[in-house]
Amino acid sequence: MNHVNLIGKVSSIPKVVELANGRKIAQFTMSTKEMYLDETGKTKTRSNWHRLTAWGRWVQVMEELGIVGMDLAVEGKLVTRFYKDNGARKCISEVEVNDLIIL
């Protein structure tokens, strides 16, 4: 099952791109924090950054309301795509948004 749930903060201004077929896509990043214990037993915090893409109605929501620092809960799926950069094959993994809630 390919299912992702994230709760974090928007960390980049959503970039809205209109594709050749007229559809729009919003691309942005969000950061999440996780707590863990180090080898001495002290609590530490680690930040992770995630690339996200939104389609359909979520494009308009992110275009109008998406600001850096906004708390957001996202449900979606992990998508991997490949492209060529100067002849080298590159890979990007990102979360494709199915649903989101502004917290």
C-alpha atoms as a PDB file:
ATOM      1  CA  MET A   1       0.000   0.000   0.000  1.00  0.00           C
ATOM      2  CA  ASN A   2       1.355   3.420  -0.958  1.00  0.00           C
ATOM      3  CA  HIS A   3       0.056   5.860   1.676  1.00  0.00           C
ATOM      4  CA  VAL A   4       1.727   8.910   3.245  1.00  0.00           C
ATOM      5  CA  ASN A   5       0.524  11.106   6.135  1.00  0.00           C
ATOM      6  CA  LEU A   6       2.537  14.173   7.102  1.00  0.00           C
ATOM      7  CA  ILE A   7       1.980  16.960   9.612  1.00  0.00           C
ATOM      8  CA  GLY A   8       4.371  19.867   9.400  1.00  0.00           C
ATOM      9  CA  LYS A   9       5.000  23.377   8.127  1.00  0.00           C
ATOM     10  CA  VAL A  10       5.058  24.699   4.572  1.00  0.00           C
ATOM     11  CA  SER A  11       8.708  25.592   3.925  1.00  0.00           C
ATOM     12  CA  SER A  12       8.565  27.120   0.431  1.00  0.00           C
ATOM     13  CA  ILE A  13       6.185  29.375  -1.441  1.00  0.00           C
ATOM     14  CA  PRO A  14       3.984  27.125  -3.611  1.00  0.00           C
ATOM     15  CA  LYS A  15       5.010  27.321  -7.270  1.00  0.00           C
ATOM     16  CA  VAL A  16       2.032  26.943  -9.617  1.00  0.00           C
ATOM     17  CA  VAL A  17       2.774  25.699 -13.136  1.00  0.00           C
ATOM     18  CA  GLU A  18       0.285  25.396 -15.989  1.00  0.00           C
ATOM     19  CA  LEU A  19       0.954  22.368 -18.162  1.00  0.00           C
ATOM     20  CA  ALA A  20       0.511  22.201 -21.960  1.00  0.00           C
ATOM     21  CA  ASN A  21      -2.874  20.468 -21.509  1.00  0.00           C
ATOM     22  CA  GLY A  22      -4.172  23.367 -19.367  1.00  0.00           C
ATOM     23  CA  ARG A  23      -4.003  21.539 -16.037  1.00  0.00           C
ATOM     24  CA  LYS A  24      -2.221  23.243 -13.151  1.00  0.00           C
ATOM     25  CA  ILE A  25       0.112  21.761 -10.578  1.00  0.00           C
ATOM     26  CA  ALA A  26       1.327  23.298  -7.314  1.00  0.00           C
ATOM     27  CA  GLN A  27       4.800  22.298  -6.148  1.00  0.00           C
ATOM     28  CA  PHE A  28       6.056  23.115  -2.657  1.00  0.00           C
ATOM     29  CA  THR A  29       8.042  21.706   0.230  1.00  0.00           C
ATOM     30  CA  MET A  30       7.131  21.101   3.820  1.00  0.00           C
ATOM     31  CA  SER A  31       9.204  20.277   6.860  1.00  0.00           C
ATOM     32  CA  THR A  32       8.386  17.785   9.576  1.00  0.00           C
ATOM     33  CA  LYS A  33      10.085  17.225  12.909  1.00  0.00           C
ATOM     34  CA  GLU A  34      10.729  13.970  14.703  1.00  0.00           C
ATOM     35  CA  MET A  35      11.923  13.393  18.244  1.00  0.00           C
ATOM     36  CA  TYR A  36      14.420  10.697  19.180  1.00  0.00           C
ATOM     37  CA  LEU A  37      16.805   9.764  21.969  1.00  0.00           C
ATOM     38  CA  ASP A  38      20.538  10.008  21.332  1.00  0.00           C
ATOM     39  CA  GLU A  39      23.067   7.535  22.722  1.00  0.00           C
ATOM     40  CA  THR A  40      23.179   9.401  26.052  1.00  0.00           C
ATOM     41  CA  GLY A  41      19.399   9.324  26.450  1.00  0.00           C
ATOM     42  CA  LYS A  42      18.864  13.020  25.670  1.00  0.00           C
ATOM     43  CA  THR A  43      15.891  14.008  23.549  1.00  0.00           C
ATOM     44  CA  LYS A  44      16.883  15.386  20.150  1.00  0.00           C
ATOM     45  CA  THR A  45      14.848  16.836  17.292  1.00  0.00           C
ATOM     46  CA  ARG A  46      15.511  16.101  13.639  1.00  0.00           C
ATOM     47  CA  SER A  47      13.919  18.013  10.742  1.00  0.00           C
ATOM     48  CA  ASN A  48      13.003  16.398   7.428  1.00  0.00           C
ATOM     49  CA  TRP A  49      12.030  18.189   4.233  1.00  0.00           C
ATOM     50  CA  HIS A  50       9.554  16.747   1.750  1.00  0.00           C
ATOM     51  CA  ARG A  51       8.702  17.699  -1.841  1.00  0.00           C
ATOM     52  CA  LEU A  52       4.959  17.824  -2.513  1.00  0.00           C
ATOM     53  CA  THR A  53       2.799  18.188  -5.601  1.00  0.00           C
ATOM     54  CA  ALA A  54      -0.873  19.115  -5.571  1.00  0.00           C
ATOM     55  CA  TRP A  55      -3.410  18.832  -8.393  1.00  0.00           C
ATOM     56  CA  GLY A  56      -7.021  19.877  -8.930  1.00  0.00           C
ATOM     57  CA  ARG A  57      -8.717  21.936  -6.239  1.00  0.00           C
ATOM     58  CA  TRP A  58      -5.619  21.806  -4.012  1.00  0.00           C
ATOM     59  CA  VAL A  59      -3.725  23.969  -6.518  1.00  0.00           C
ATOM     60  CA  GLN A  60      -6.100  26.864  -5.913  1.00  0.00           C
ATOM     61  CA  VAL A  61      -6.012  26.325  -2.132  1.00  0.00           C
ATOM     62  CA  MET A  62      -2.204  26.405  -2.066  1.00  0.00           C
ATOM     63  CA  GLU A  63      -2.046  29.314  -4.526  1.00  0.00           C
ATOM     64  CA  GLU A  64      -4.390  31.459  -2.425  1.00  0.00           C
ATOM     65  CA  LEU A  65      -3.586  30.342   1.126  1.00  0.00           C
ATOM     66  CA  GLY A  66      -0.197  28.624   1.046  1.00  0.00           C
ATOM     67  CA  ILE A  67       2.373  30.668   2.946  1.00  0.00           C
ATOM     68  CA  VAL A  68       5.720  29.707   4.423  1.00  0.00           C
ATOM     69  CA  GLY A  69       5.341  28.599   8.034  1.00  0.00           C
ATOM     70  CA  MET A  70       1.707  27.516   7.709  1.00  0.00           C
ATOM     71  CA  ASP A  71       0.852  24.335   9.644  1.00  0.00           C
ATOM     72  CA  LEU A  72      -0.449  21.651   7.316  1.00  0.00           C
ATOM     73  CA  ALA A  73      -1.635  18.034   7.468  1.00  0.00           C
ATOM     74  CA  VAL A  74      -1.268  16.130   4.196  1.00  0.00           C
ATOM     75  CA  GLU A  75      -2.477  12.726   3.023  1.00  0.00           C
ATOM     76  CA  GLY A  76      -1.206  11.345  -0.232  1.00  0.00           C
ATOM     77  CA  LYS A  77       1.035   8.837  -1.962  1.00  0.00           C
ATOM     78  CA  LEU A  78       4.733   8.621  -2.738  1.00  0.00           C
ATOM     79  CA  VAL A  79       5.542   9.099  -6.429  1.00  0.00           C
ATOM     80  CA  THR A  80       8.946   8.677  -8.075  1.00  0.00           C
ATOM     81  CA  ARG A  81       9.778  10.153 -11.457  1.00  0.00           C
ATOM     82  CA  PHE A  82      12.891  10.059 -13.602  1.00  0.00           C
ATOM     83  CA  TYR A  83      14.413  12.664 -15.894  1.00  0.00           C
ATOM     84  CA  LYS A  84      17.668  13.359 -17.727  1.00  0.00           C
ATOM     85  CA  ASP A  85      20.041  16.152 -16.684  1.00  0.00           C
ATOM     86  CA  ASN A  86      22.996  16.654 -19.046  1.00  0.00           C
ATOM     87  CA  GLY A  87      22.655  13.026 -20.098  1.00  0.00           C
ATOM     88  CA  ALA A  88      22.622  11.694 -16.529  1.00  0.00           C
ATOM     89  CA  ARG A  89      19.478   9.898 -15.326  1.00  0.00           C
ATOM     90  CA  LYS A  90      18.098  11.550 -12.164  1.00  0.00           C
ATOM     91  CA  CYS A  91      15.341  10.501  -9.797  1.00  0.00           C
ATOM     92  CA  ILE A  92      12.924  12.566  -7.685  1.00  0.00           C
ATOM     93  CA  SER A  93      10.537  11.218  -5.062  1.00  0.00           C
ATOM     94  CA  GLU A  94       7.686  13.411  -3.919  1.00  0.00           C
ATOM     95  CA  VAL A  95       4.354  13.189  -2.155  1.00  0.00           C
ATOM     96  CA  GLU A  96       1.324  13.602  -4.424  1.00  0.00           C
ATOM     97  CA  VAL A  97      -1.379  15.266  -2.325  1.00  0.00           C
ATOM     98  CA  ASN A  98      -4.804  13.592  -2.188  1.00  0.00           C
ATOM     99  CA  ASP A  99      -6.124  15.627   0.750  1.00  0.00           C
ATOM    100  CA  LEU A 100      -4.872  18.427   2.973  1.00  0.00           C
ATOM    101  CA  ILE A 101      -5.984  20.287   6.041  1.00  0.00           C
ATOM    102  CA  ILE A 102      -4.722  23.709   7.069  1.00  0.00           C
ATOM    103  CA  LEU A 103      -4.161  23.534  10.808  1.00  0.00           C
END
